[in-house]
């Protein structure tokens, strides 16, 4: 498989989008997560319709949209878990002894 500039751009956009989902989970911002999810679904639909000449309600296109939702939920969950771990880590910090 050749790494074309188009593929690099698509992977970069996907990575930024997934980082946005993780950040929303880390900060526990559900509204931001919904916004990032809608943006991801829209970009994926645009790419499939205009870049791949797919119809919106094809089974493969619907499966691709479902995978976007699952990636987003997984990223949000990972960010939420990391946020809880970091919060608990900071709360459990022991103050240095005073002399």
PDB file of N, CA and C in Angstrom:
ATOM      1  N   UNK A   1       0.850  -1.175   0.000  1.00  0.00           N
ATOM      2  CA  UNK A   1       0.000   0.000   0.000  1.00  0.00           C
ATOM      3  C   UNK A   1       0.893   1.235   0.000  1.00  0.00           C
ATOM      4  N   UNK A   2       0.591   2.151  -0.885  1.00  0.00           N
ATOM      5  CA  UNK A   2       1.357   3.376  -1.011  1.00  0.00           C
ATOM      6  C   UNK A   2       0.753   4.457  -0.134  1.00  0.00           C
ATOM      7  N   UNK A   3       1.617   5.179   0.532  1.00  0.00           N
ATOM      8  CA  UNK A   3       1.173   6.261   1.401  1.00  0.00           C
ATOM      9  C   UNK A   3       1.097   7.543   0.570  1.00  0.00           C
ATOM     10  N   UNK A   4      -0.065   7.828   0.034  1.00  0.00           N
ATOM     11  CA  UNK A   4      -0.268   8.999  -0.808  1.00  0.00           C
ATOM     12  C   UNK A   4      -0.557  10.220   0.054  1.00  0.00           C
ATOM     13  N   UNK A   5      -0.408  11.415  -0.494  1.00  0.00           N
ATOM     14  CA  UNK A   5      -0.741  12.620   0.275  1.00  0.00           C
ATOM     15  C   UNK A   5      -2.199  12.652   0.739  1.00  0.00           C
ATOM     16  N   UNK A   6      -3.097  12.110  -0.075  1.00  0.00           N
ATOM     17  CA  UNK A   6      -4.505  12.064   0.335  1.00  0.00           C
ATOM     18  C   UNK A   6      -4.682  11.177   1.561  1.00  0.00           C
ATOM     19  N   UNK A   7      -4.030  10.031   1.555  1.00  0.00           N
ATOM     20  CA  UNK A   7      -4.124   9.122   2.690  1.00  0.00           C
ATOM     21  C   UNK A   7      -3.504   9.735   3.942  1.00  0.00           C
ATOM     22  N   UNK A   8      -2.387  10.425   3.782  1.00  0.00           N
ATOM     23  CA  UNK A   8      -1.756  11.103   4.921  1.00  0.00           C
ATOM     24  C   UNK A   8      -2.693  12.162   5.489  1.00  0.00           C
ATOM     25  N   UNK A   9      -3.342  12.921   4.617  1.00  0.00           N
ATOM     26  CA  UNK A   9      -4.281  13.952   5.078  1.00  0.00           C
ATOM     27  C   UNK A   9      -5.467  13.326   5.805  1.00  0.00           C
ATOM     28  N   UNK A  10      -6.008  12.242   5.268  1.00  0.00           N
ATOM     29  CA  UNK A  10      -7.137  11.569   5.920  1.00  0.00           C
ATOM     30  C   UNK A  10      -6.747  11.019   7.292  1.00  0.00           C
ATOM     31  N   UNK A  11      -5.567  10.420   7.383  1.00  0.00           N
ATOM     32  CA  UNK A  11      -5.106   9.891   8.668  1.00  0.00           C
ATOM     33  C   UNK A  11      -4.840  11.005   9.673  1.00  0.00           C
ATOM     34  N   UNK A  12      -4.326  12.138   9.198  1.00  0.00           N
ATOM     35  CA  UNK A  12      -4.082  13.269  10.098  1.00  0.00           C
ATOM     36  C   UNK A  12      -5.391  13.834  10.632  1.00  0.00           C
ATOM     37  N   UNK A  13      -6.379  13.968   9.763  1.00  0.00           N
ATOM     38  CA  UNK A  13      -7.690  14.466  10.209  1.00  0.00           C
ATOM     39  C   UNK A  13      -8.313  13.482  11.192  1.00  0.00           C
ATOM     40  N   UNK A  14      -8.189  12.186  10.911  1.00  0.00           N
ATOM     41  CA  UNK A  14      -8.731  11.178  11.826  1.00  0.00           C
ATOM     42  C   UNK A  14      -8.041  11.241  13.187  1.00  0.00           C
ATOM     43  N   UNK A  15      -6.718  11.400  13.186  1.00  0.00           N
ATOM     44  CA  UNK A  15      -5.981  11.475  14.452  1.00  0.00           C
ATOM     45  C   UNK A  15      -6.395  12.705  15.255  1.00  0.00           C
ATOM     46  N   UNK A  16      -6.527  13.847  14.594  1.00  0.00           N
ATOM     47  CA  UNK A  16      -6.969  15.062  15.296  1.00  0.00           C
ATOM     48  C   UNK A  16      -8.382  14.902  15.836  1.00  0.00           C
ATOM     49  N   UNK A  17      -9.245  14.289  15.058  1.00  0.00           N
ATOM     50  CA  UNK A  17     -10.620  14.068  15.495  1.00  0.00           C
ATOM     51  C   UNK A  17     -10.665  13.142  16.708  1.00  0.00           C
ATOM     52  N   UNK A  18      -9.863  12.078  16.676  1.00  0.00           N
ATOM     53  CA  UNK A  18      -9.832  11.146  17.800  1.00  0.00           C
ATOM     54  C   UNK A  18      -9.246  11.804  19.044  1.00  0.00           C
ATOM     55  N   UNK A  19      -8.252  12.657  18.878  1.00  0.00           N
ATOM     56  CA  UNK A  19      -7.711  13.418  20.008  1.00  0.00           C
ATOM     57  C   UNK A  19      -8.790  14.323  20.586  1.00  0.00           C
ATOM     58  N   UNK A  20      -9.624  14.904  19.729  1.00  0.00           N
ATOM     59  CA  UNK A  20     -10.743  15.716  20.216  1.00  0.00           C
ATOM     60  C   UNK A  20     -11.721  14.899  21.041  1.00  0.00           C
ATOM     61  N   UNK A  21     -11.991  13.667  20.616  1.00  0.00           N
ATOM     62  CA  UNK A  21     -12.881  12.785  21.392  1.00  0.00           C
ATOM     63  C   UNK A  21     -12.258  12.430  22.734  1.00  0.00           C
ATOM     64  N   UNK A  22     -10.972  12.132  22.735  1.00  0.00           N
ATOM     65  CA  UNK A  22     -10.282  11.790  23.982  1.00  0.00           C
ATOM     66  C   UNK A  22     -10.259  12.989  24.916  1.00  0.00           C
ATOM     67  N   UNK A  23      -9.993  14.180  24.380  1.00  0.00           N
ATOM     68  CA  UNK A  23      -9.977  15.391  25.205  1.00  0.00           C
ATOM     69  C   UNK A  23     -11.347  15.648  25.826  1.00  0.00           C
ATOM     70  N   UNK A  24     -12.401  15.469  25.038  1.00  0.00           N
ATOM     71  CA  UNK A  24     -13.754  15.669  25.571  1.00  0.00           C
ATOM     72  C   UNK A  24     -14.036  14.680  26.697  1.00  0.00           C
ATOM     73  N   UNK A  25     -13.569  13.459  26.564  1.00  0.00           N
ATOM     74  CA  UNK A  25     -13.740  12.478  27.626  1.00  0.00           C
ATOM     75  C   UNK A  25     -12.902  12.807  28.844  1.00  0.00           C
ATOM     76  N   UNK A  26     -11.672  13.267  28.625  1.00  0.00           N
ATOM     77  CA  UNK A  26     -10.777  13.621  29.727  1.00  0.00           C
ATOM     78  C   UNK A  26     -11.369  14.744  30.565  1.00  0.00           C
ATOM     79  N   UNK A  27     -11.969  15.710  29.898  1.00  0.00           N
ATOM     80  CA  UNK A  27     -12.590  16.833  30.591  1.00  0.00           C
ATOM     81  C   UNK A  27     -14.042  16.565  30.969  1.00  0.00           C
ATOM     82  N   UNK A  28     -14.568  15.402  30.584  1.00  0.00           N
ATOM     83  CA  UNK A  28     -15.963  15.006  30.845  1.00  0.00           C
ATOM     84  C   UNK A  28     -16.940  16.036  30.296  1.00  0.00           C
ATOM     85  N   UNK A  29     -16.696  16.470  29.085  1.00  0.00           N
ATOM     86  CA  UNK A  29     -17.554  17.435  28.404  1.00  0.00           C
ATOM     87  C   UNK A  29     -18.400  16.701  27.375  1.00  0.00           C
ATOM     88  N   UNK A  30     -19.600  16.352  27.746  1.00  0.00           N
ATOM     89  CA  UNK A  30     -20.471  15.563  26.868  1.00  0.00           C
ATOM     90  C   UNK A  30     -20.931  16.389  25.671  1.00  0.00           C
ATOM     91  N   UNK A  31     -21.238  17.655  25.877  1.00  0.00           N
ATOM     92  CA  UNK A  31     -21.673  18.505  24.767  1.00  0.00           C
ATOM     93  C   UNK A  31     -20.571  18.634  23.718  1.00  0.00           C
ATOM     94  N   UNK A  32     -19.329  18.835  24.166  1.00  0.00           N
ATOM     95  CA  UNK A  32     -18.216  18.917  23.219  1.00  0.00           C
ATOM     96  C   UNK A  32     -18.035  17.589  22.491  1.00  0.00           C
ATOM     97  N   UNK A  33     -18.253  16.495  23.194  1.00  0.00           N
ATOM     98  CA  UNK A  33     -18.152  15.189  22.549  1.00  0.00           C
ATOM     99  C   UNK A  33     -19.185  15.046  21.442  1.00  0.00           C
ATOM    100  N   UNK A  34     -20.403  15.470  21.712  1.00  0.00           N
ATOM    101  CA  UNK A  34     -21.463  15.382  20.697  1.00  0.00           C
ATOM    102  C   UNK A  34     -21.102  16.248  19.490  1.00  0.00           C
ATOM    103  N   UNK A  35     -20.560  17.430  19.743  1.00  0.00           N
ATOM    104  CA  UNK A  35     -20.154  18.317  18.644  1.00  0.00           C
ATOM    105  C   UNK A  35     -19.048  17.669  17.818  1.00  0.00           C
ATOM    106  N   UNK A  36     -18.031  17.116  18.490  1.00  0.00           N
ATOM    107  CA  UNK A  36     -16.929  16.459  17.779  1.00  0.00           C
ATOM    108  C   UNK A  36     -17.440  15.236  17.020  1.00  0.00           C
ATOM    109  N   UNK A  37     -18.367  14.496  17.611  1.00  0.00           N
ATOM    110  CA  UNK A  37     -18.938  13.326  16.946  1.00  0.00           C
ATOM    111  C   UNK A  37     -19.690  13.724  15.682  1.00  0.00           C
ATOM    112  N   UNK A  38     -20.497  14.764  15.756  1.00  0.00           N
ATOM    113  CA  UNK A  38     -21.253  15.222  14.580  1.00  0.00           C
ATOM    114  C   UNK A  38     -20.298  15.701  13.485  1.00  0.00           C
ATOM    115  N   UNK A  39     -19.237  16.395  13.875  1.00  0.00           N
ATOM    116  CA  UNK A  39     -18.240  16.833  12.890  1.00  0.00           C
ATOM    117  C   UNK A  39     -17.599  15.619  12.220  1.00  0.00           C
ATOM    118  N   UNK A  40     -17.241  14.616  13.009  1.00  0.00           N
ATOM    119  CA  UNK A  40     -16.634  13.406  12.447  1.00  0.00           C
ATOM    120  C   UNK A  40     -17.567  12.657  11.511  1.00  0.00           C
ATOM    121  N   UNK A  41     -18.820  12.529  11.910  1.00  0.00           N
ATOM    122  CA  UNK A  41     -19.797  11.865  11.040  1.00  0.00           C
ATOM    123  C   UNK A  41     -19.991  12.638   9.740  1.00  0.00           C
ATOM    124  N   UNK A  42     -20.020  13.957   9.838  1.00  0.00           N
ATOM    125  CA  UNK A  42     -20.194  14.783   8.638  1.00  0.00           C
ATOM    126  C   UNK A  42     -19.004  14.659   7.701  1.00  0.00           C
ATOM    127  N   UNK A  43     -17.802  14.740   8.252  1.00  0.00           N
ATOM    128  CA  UNK A  43     -16.608  14.616   7.408  1.00  0.00           C
ATOM    129  C   UNK A  43     -16.525  13.233   6.765  1.00  0.00           C
ATOM    130  N   UNK A  44     -16.866  12.213   7.512  1.00  0.00           N
ATOM    131  CA  UNK A  44     -16.843  10.858   6.962  1.00  0.00           C
ATOM    132  C   UNK A  44     -17.870  10.707   5.839  1.00  0.00           C
ATOM    133  N   UNK A  45     -19.064  11.253   6.041  1.00  0.00           N
ATOM    134  CA  UNK A  45     -20.096  11.177   5.001  1.00  0.00           C
ATOM    135  C   UNK A  45     -19.673  11.951   3.755  1.00  0.00           C
ATOM    136  N   UNK A  46     -19.096  13.128   3.953  1.00  0.00           N
ATOM    137  CA  UNK A  46     -18.626  13.907   2.802  1.00  0.00           C
ATOM    138  C   UNK A  46     -17.552  13.157   2.029  1.00  0.00           C
ATOM    139  N   UNK A  47     -16.609  12.546   2.731  1.00  0.00           N
ATOM    140  CA  UNK A  47     -15.556  11.798   2.061  1.00  0.00           C
ATOM    141  C   UNK A  47     -16.134  10.614   1.288  1.00  0.00           C
ATOM    142  N   UNK A  48     -17.077   9.908   1.890  1.00  0.00           N
ATOM    143  CA  UNK A  48     -17.634   8.742   1.209  1.00  0.00           C
ATOM    144  C   UNK A  48     -18.458   9.138  -0.011  1.00  0.00           C
ATOM    145  N   UNK A  49     -19.222  10.219   0.092  1.00  0.00           N
ATOM    146  CA  UNK A  49     -20.088  10.619  -1.020  1.00  0.00           C
ATOM    147  C   UNK A  49     -19.273  11.248  -2.145  1.00  0.00           C
ATOM    148  N   UNK A  50     -18.394  12.190  -1.803  1.00  0.00           N
ATOM    149  CA  UNK A  50     -17.678  12.922  -2.853  1.00  0.00           C
ATOM    150  C   UNK A  50     -16.341  12.284  -3.221  1.00  0.00           C
ATOM    151  N   UNK A  51     -15.665  11.664  -2.269  1.00  0.00           N
ATOM    152  CA  UNK A  51     -14.368  11.061  -2.558  1.00  0.00           C
ATOM    153  C   UNK A  51     -14.463   9.648  -3.091  1.00  0.00           C
ATOM    154  N   UNK A  52     -15.450   8.907  -2.616  1.00  0.00           N
ATOM    155  CA  UNK A  52     -15.569   7.501  -3.000  1.00  0.00           C
ATOM    156  C   UNK A  52     -16.799   7.201  -3.850  1.00  0.00           C
ATOM    157  N   UNK A  53     -17.613   8.213  -4.126  1.00  0.00           N
ATOM    158  CA  UNK A  53     -18.838   8.062  -4.919  1.00  0.00           C
ATOM    159  C   UNK A  53     -19.792   7.009  -4.341  1.00  0.00           C
ATOM    160  N   UNK A  54     -19.909   6.995  -3.044  1.00  0.00           N
ATOM    161  CA  UNK A  54     -20.825   6.058  -2.384  1.00  0.00           C
ATOM    162  C   UNK A  54     -22.159   6.748  -2.138  1.00  0.00           C
ATOM    163  N   UNK A  55     -23.196   5.955  -2.042  1.00  0.00           N
ATOM    164  CA  UNK A  55     -24.501   6.491  -1.660  1.00  0.00           C
ATOM    165  C   UNK A  55     -24.592   6.496  -0.140  1.00  0.00           C
ATOM    166  N   UNK A  56     -25.349   7.426   0.391  1.00  0.00           N
ATOM    167  CA  UNK A  56     -25.391   7.622   1.841  1.00  0.00           C
ATOM    168  C   UNK A  56     -25.937   6.399   2.567  1.00  0.00           C
ATOM    169  N   UNK A  57     -26.929   5.742   2.004  1.00  0.00           N
ATOM    170  CA  UNK A  57     -27.579   4.635   2.699  1.00  0.00           C
ATOM    171  C   UNK A  57     -27.144   3.259   2.199  1.00  0.00           C
ATOM    172  N   UNK A  58     -25.965   3.169   1.592  1.00  0.00           N
ATOM    173  CA  UNK A  58     -25.400   1.862   1.251  1.00  0.00           C
ATOM    174  C   UNK A  58     -25.024   1.141   2.541  1.00  0.00           C
ATOM    175  N   UNK A  59     -25.094  -0.174   2.543  1.00  0.00           N
ATOM    176  CA  UNK A  59     -24.701  -0.901   3.762  1.00  0.00           C
ATOM    177  C   UNK A  59     -23.258  -0.623   4.190  1.00  0.00           C
ATOM    178  N   UNK A  60     -22.346  -0.513   3.222  1.00  0.00           N
ATOM    179  CA  UNK A  60     -20.950  -0.246   3.571  1.00  0.00           C
ATOM    180  C   UNK A  60     -20.778   1.155   4.150  1.00  0.00           C
ATOM    181  N   UNK A  61     -21.506   2.111   3.617  1.00  0.00           N
ATOM    182  CA  UNK A  61     -21.423   3.478   4.139  1.00  0.00           C
ATOM    183  C   UNK A  61     -22.011   3.558   5.543  1.00  0.00           C
ATOM    184  N   UNK A  62     -23.105   2.866   5.773  1.00  0.00           N
ATOM    185  CA  UNK A  62     -23.697   2.855   7.113  1.00  0.00           C
ATOM    186  C   UNK A  62     -22.779   2.164   8.113  1.00  0.00           C
ATOM    187  N   UNK A  63     -22.111   1.106   7.681  1.00  0.00           N
ATOM    188  CA  UNK A  63     -21.163   0.430   8.559  1.00  0.00           C
ATOM    189  C   UNK A  63     -19.974   1.337   8.875  1.00  0.00           C
ATOM    190  N   UNK A  64     -19.530   2.116   7.893  1.00  0.00           N
ATOM    191  CA  UNK A  64     -18.443   3.067   8.139  1.00  0.00           C
ATOM    192  C   UNK A  64     -18.877   4.141   9.132  1.00  0.00           C
ATOM    193  N   UNK A  65     -20.115   4.602   9.025  1.00  0.00           N
ATOM    194  CA  UNK A  65     -20.618   5.590   9.986  1.00  0.00           C
ATOM    195  C   UNK A  65     -20.723   4.982  11.386  1.00  0.00           C
ATOM    196  N   UNK A  66     -21.157   3.737  11.462  1.00  0.00           N
ATOM    197  CA  UNK A  66     -21.222   3.060  12.757  1.00  0.00           C
ATOM    198  C   UNK A  66     -19.830   2.920  13.363  1.00  0.00           C
ATOM    199  N   UNK A  67     -18.838   2.635  12.532  1.00  0.00           N
ATOM    200  CA  UNK A  67     -17.476   2.518  13.053  1.00  0.00           C
ATOM    201  C   UNK A  67     -16.964   3.859  13.559  1.00  0.00           C
ATOM    202  N   UNK A  68     -17.371   4.954  12.926  1.00  0.00           N
ATOM    203  CA  UNK A  68     -17.002   6.283  13.422  1.00  0.00           C
ATOM    204  C   UNK A  68     -17.589   6.501  14.812  1.00  0.00           C
ATOM    205  N   UNK A  69     -18.842   6.121  14.988  1.00  0.00           N
ATOM    206  CA  UNK A  69     -19.482   6.273  16.302  1.00  0.00           C
ATOM    207  C   UNK A  69     -18.761   5.425  17.345  1.00  0.00           C
ATOM    208  N   UNK A  70     -18.405   4.195  16.991  1.00  0.00           N
ATOM    209  CA  UNK A  70     -17.725   3.321  17.947  1.00  0.00           C
ATOM    210  C   UNK A  70     -16.323   3.823  18.279  1.00  0.00           C
ATOM    211  N   UNK A  71     -15.587   4.330  17.291  1.00  0.00           N
ATOM    212  CA  UNK A  71     -14.285   4.942  17.572  1.00  0.00           C
ATOM    213  C   UNK A  71     -14.450   6.126  18.519  1.00  0.00           C
ATOM    214  N   UNK A  72     -15.465   6.945  18.279  1.00  0.00           N
ATOM    215  CA  UNK A  72     -15.692   8.125  19.110  1.00  0.00           C
ATOM    216  C   UNK A  72     -16.032   7.739  20.543  1.00  0.00           C
ATOM    217  N   UNK A  73     -16.915   6.773  20.706  1.00  0.00           N
ATOM    218  CA  UNK A  73     -17.293   6.335  22.056  1.00  0.00           C
ATOM    219  C   UNK A  73     -16.088   5.722  22.768  1.00  0.00           C
ATOM    220  N   UNK A  74     -15.299   4.957  22.054  1.00  0.00           N
ATOM    221  CA  UNK A  74     -14.083   4.388  22.642  1.00  0.00           C
ATOM    222  C   UNK A  74     -13.092   5.456  23.053  1.00  0.00           C
ATOM    223  N   UNK A  75     -12.907   6.466  22.205  1.00  0.00           N
ATOM    224  CA  UNK A  75     -12.013   7.571  22.547  1.00  0.00           C
ATOM    225  C   UNK A  75     -12.512   8.364  23.735  1.00  0.00           C
ATOM    226  N   UNK A  76     -13.815   8.636  23.755  1.00  0.00           N
ATOM    227  CA  UNK A  76     -14.406   9.353  24.887  1.00  0.00           C
ATOM    228  C   UNK A  76     -14.233   8.550  26.172  1.00  0.00           C
ATOM    229  N   UNK A  77     -14.486   7.251  26.107  1.00  0.00           N
ATOM    230  CA  UNK A  77     -14.331   6.395  27.286  1.00  0.00           C
ATOM    231  C   UNK A  77     -12.897   6.339  27.772  1.00  0.00           C
ATOM    232  N   UNK A  78     -11.950   6.250  26.845  1.00  0.00           N
ATOM    233  CA  UNK A  78     -10.538   6.247  27.226  1.00  0.00           C
ATOM    234  C   UNK A  78     -10.156   7.562  27.889  1.00  0.00           C
ATOM    235  N   UNK A  79     -10.596   8.671  27.298  1.00  0.00           N
ATOM    236  CA  UNK A  79     -10.310   9.974  27.895  1.00  0.00           C
ATOM    237  C   UNK A  79     -10.948  10.136  29.259  1.00  0.00           C
ATOM    238  N   UNK A  80     -12.180   9.661  29.408  1.00  0.00           N
ATOM    239  CA  UNK A  80     -12.871   9.742  30.698  1.00  0.00           C
ATOM    240  C   UNK A  80     -12.117   8.939  31.755  1.00  0.00           C
ATOM    241  N   UNK A  81     -11.680   7.727  31.380  1.00  0.00           N
ATOM    242  CA  UNK A  81     -10.932   6.892  32.312  1.00  0.00           C
ATOM    243  C   UNK A  81      -9.607   7.553  32.699  1.00  0.00           C
ATOM    244  N   UNK A  82      -8.888   8.085  31.722  1.00  0.00           N
ATOM    245  CA  UNK A  82      -7.633   8.776  32.019  1.00  0.00           C
ATOM    246  C   UNK A  82      -7.866   9.991  32.908  1.00  0.00           C
ATOM    247  N   UNK A  83      -8.947  10.714  32.657  1.00  0.00           N
ATOM    248  CA  UNK A  83      -9.272  11.868  33.493  1.00  0.00           C
ATOM    249  C   UNK A  83      -9.530  11.475  34.930  1.00  0.00           C
ATOM    250  N   UNK A  84     -10.233  10.379  35.134  1.00  0.00           N
ATOM    251  CA  UNK A  84     -10.497   9.904  36.504  1.00  0.00           C
ATOM    252  C   UNK A  84      -9.213   9.449  37.184  1.00  0.00           C
ATOM    253  N   UNK A  85      -8.349   8.754  36.446  1.00  0.00           N
ATOM    254  CA  UNK A  85      -7.083   8.295  37.022  1.00  0.00           C
ATOM    255  C   UNK A  85      -6.221   9.490  37.420  1.00  0.00           C
ATOM    256  N   UNK A  86      -6.129  10.483  36.554  1.00  0.00           N
ATOM    257  CA  UNK A  86      -5.324  11.668  36.857  1.00  0.00           C
ATOM    258  C   UNK A  86      -5.894  12.412  38.058  1.00  0.00           C
ATOM    259  N   UNK A  87      -7.210  12.550  38.122  1.00  0.00           N
ATOM    260  CA  UNK A  87      -7.838  13.239  39.255  1.00  0.00           C
ATOM    261  C   UNK A  87      -7.557  12.503  40.556  1.00  0.00           C
ATOM    262  N   UNK A  88      -7.721  11.196  40.561  1.00  0.00           N
ATOM    263  CA  UNK A  88      -7.458  10.409  41.776  1.00  0.00           C
ATOM    264  C   UNK A  88      -5.976  10.443  42.146  1.00  0.00           C
ATOM    265  N   UNK A  89      -5.114  10.454  41.146  1.00  0.00           N
ATOM    266  CA  UNK A  89      -3.671  10.524  41.396  1.00  0.00           C
ATOM    267  C   UNK A  89      -3.334  11.837  42.095  1.00  0.00           C
ATOM    268  N   UNK A  90      -3.889  12.922  41.607  1.00  0.00           N
ATOM    269  CA  UNK A  90      -3.625  14.229  42.220  1.00  0.00           C
ATOM    270  C   UNK A  90      -4.199  14.317  43.623  1.00  0.00           C
ATOM    271  N   UNK A  91      -5.369  13.721  43.844  1.00  0.00           N
ATOM    272  CA  UNK A  91      -5.979  13.742  45.177  1.00  0.00           C
ATOM    273  C   UNK A  91      -5.205  12.902  46.178  1.00  0.00           C
ATOM    274  N   UNK A  92      -4.518  11.869  45.727  1.00  0.00           N
ATOM    275  CA  UNK A  92      -3.814  10.977  46.646  1.00  0.00           C
ATOM    276  C   UNK A  92      -2.383  11.421  46.926  1.00  0.00           C
ATOM    277  N   UNK A  93      -1.993  12.549  46.395  1.00  0.00           N
ATOM    278  CA  UNK A  93      -0.627  13.028  46.601  1.00  0.00           C
ATOM    279  C   UNK A  93      -0.396  13.311  48.081  1.00  0.00           C
ATOM    280  N   UNK A  94       0.728  12.868  48.569  1.00  0.00           N
ATOM    281  CA  UNK A  94       1.075  13.061  49.973  1.00  0.00           C
ATOM    282  C   UNK A  94       1.924  14.320  50.078  1.00  0.00           C
ATOM    283  N   UNK A  95       1.550  15.198  51.017  1.00  0.00           N
ATOM    284  CA  UNK A  95       2.332  16.416  51.224  1.00  0.00           C
ATOM    285  C   UNK A  95       3.665  16.062  51.868  1.00  0.00           C
ATOM    286  N   UNK A  96       4.721  16.786  51.507  1.00  0.00           N
ATOM    287  CA  UNK A  96       6.022  16.503  52.126  1.00  0.00           C
ATOM    288  C   UNK A  96       5.993  16.875  53.614  1.00  0.00           C
ATOM    289  N   UNK A  97       6.759  16.158  54.436  1.00  0.00           N
ATOM    290  CA  UNK A  97       6.770  16.481  55.872  1.00  0.00           C
ATOM    291  C   UNK A  97       7.375  17.859  56.114  1.00  0.00           C
ATOM    292  N   UNK A  98       6.824  18.542  57.081  1.00  0.00           N
ATOM    293  CA  UNK A  98       7.334  19.877  57.411  1.00  0.00           C
ATOM    294  C   UNK A  98       8.370  19.744  58.512  1.00  0.00           C
ATOM    295  N   UNK A  99       9.453  20.481  58.347  1.00  0.00           N
ATOM    296  CA  UNK A  99      10.480  20.407  59.386  1.00  0.00           C
ATOM    297  C   UNK A  99      10.679  21.719  60.088  1.00  0.00           C
TER     298      UNK A  99
END
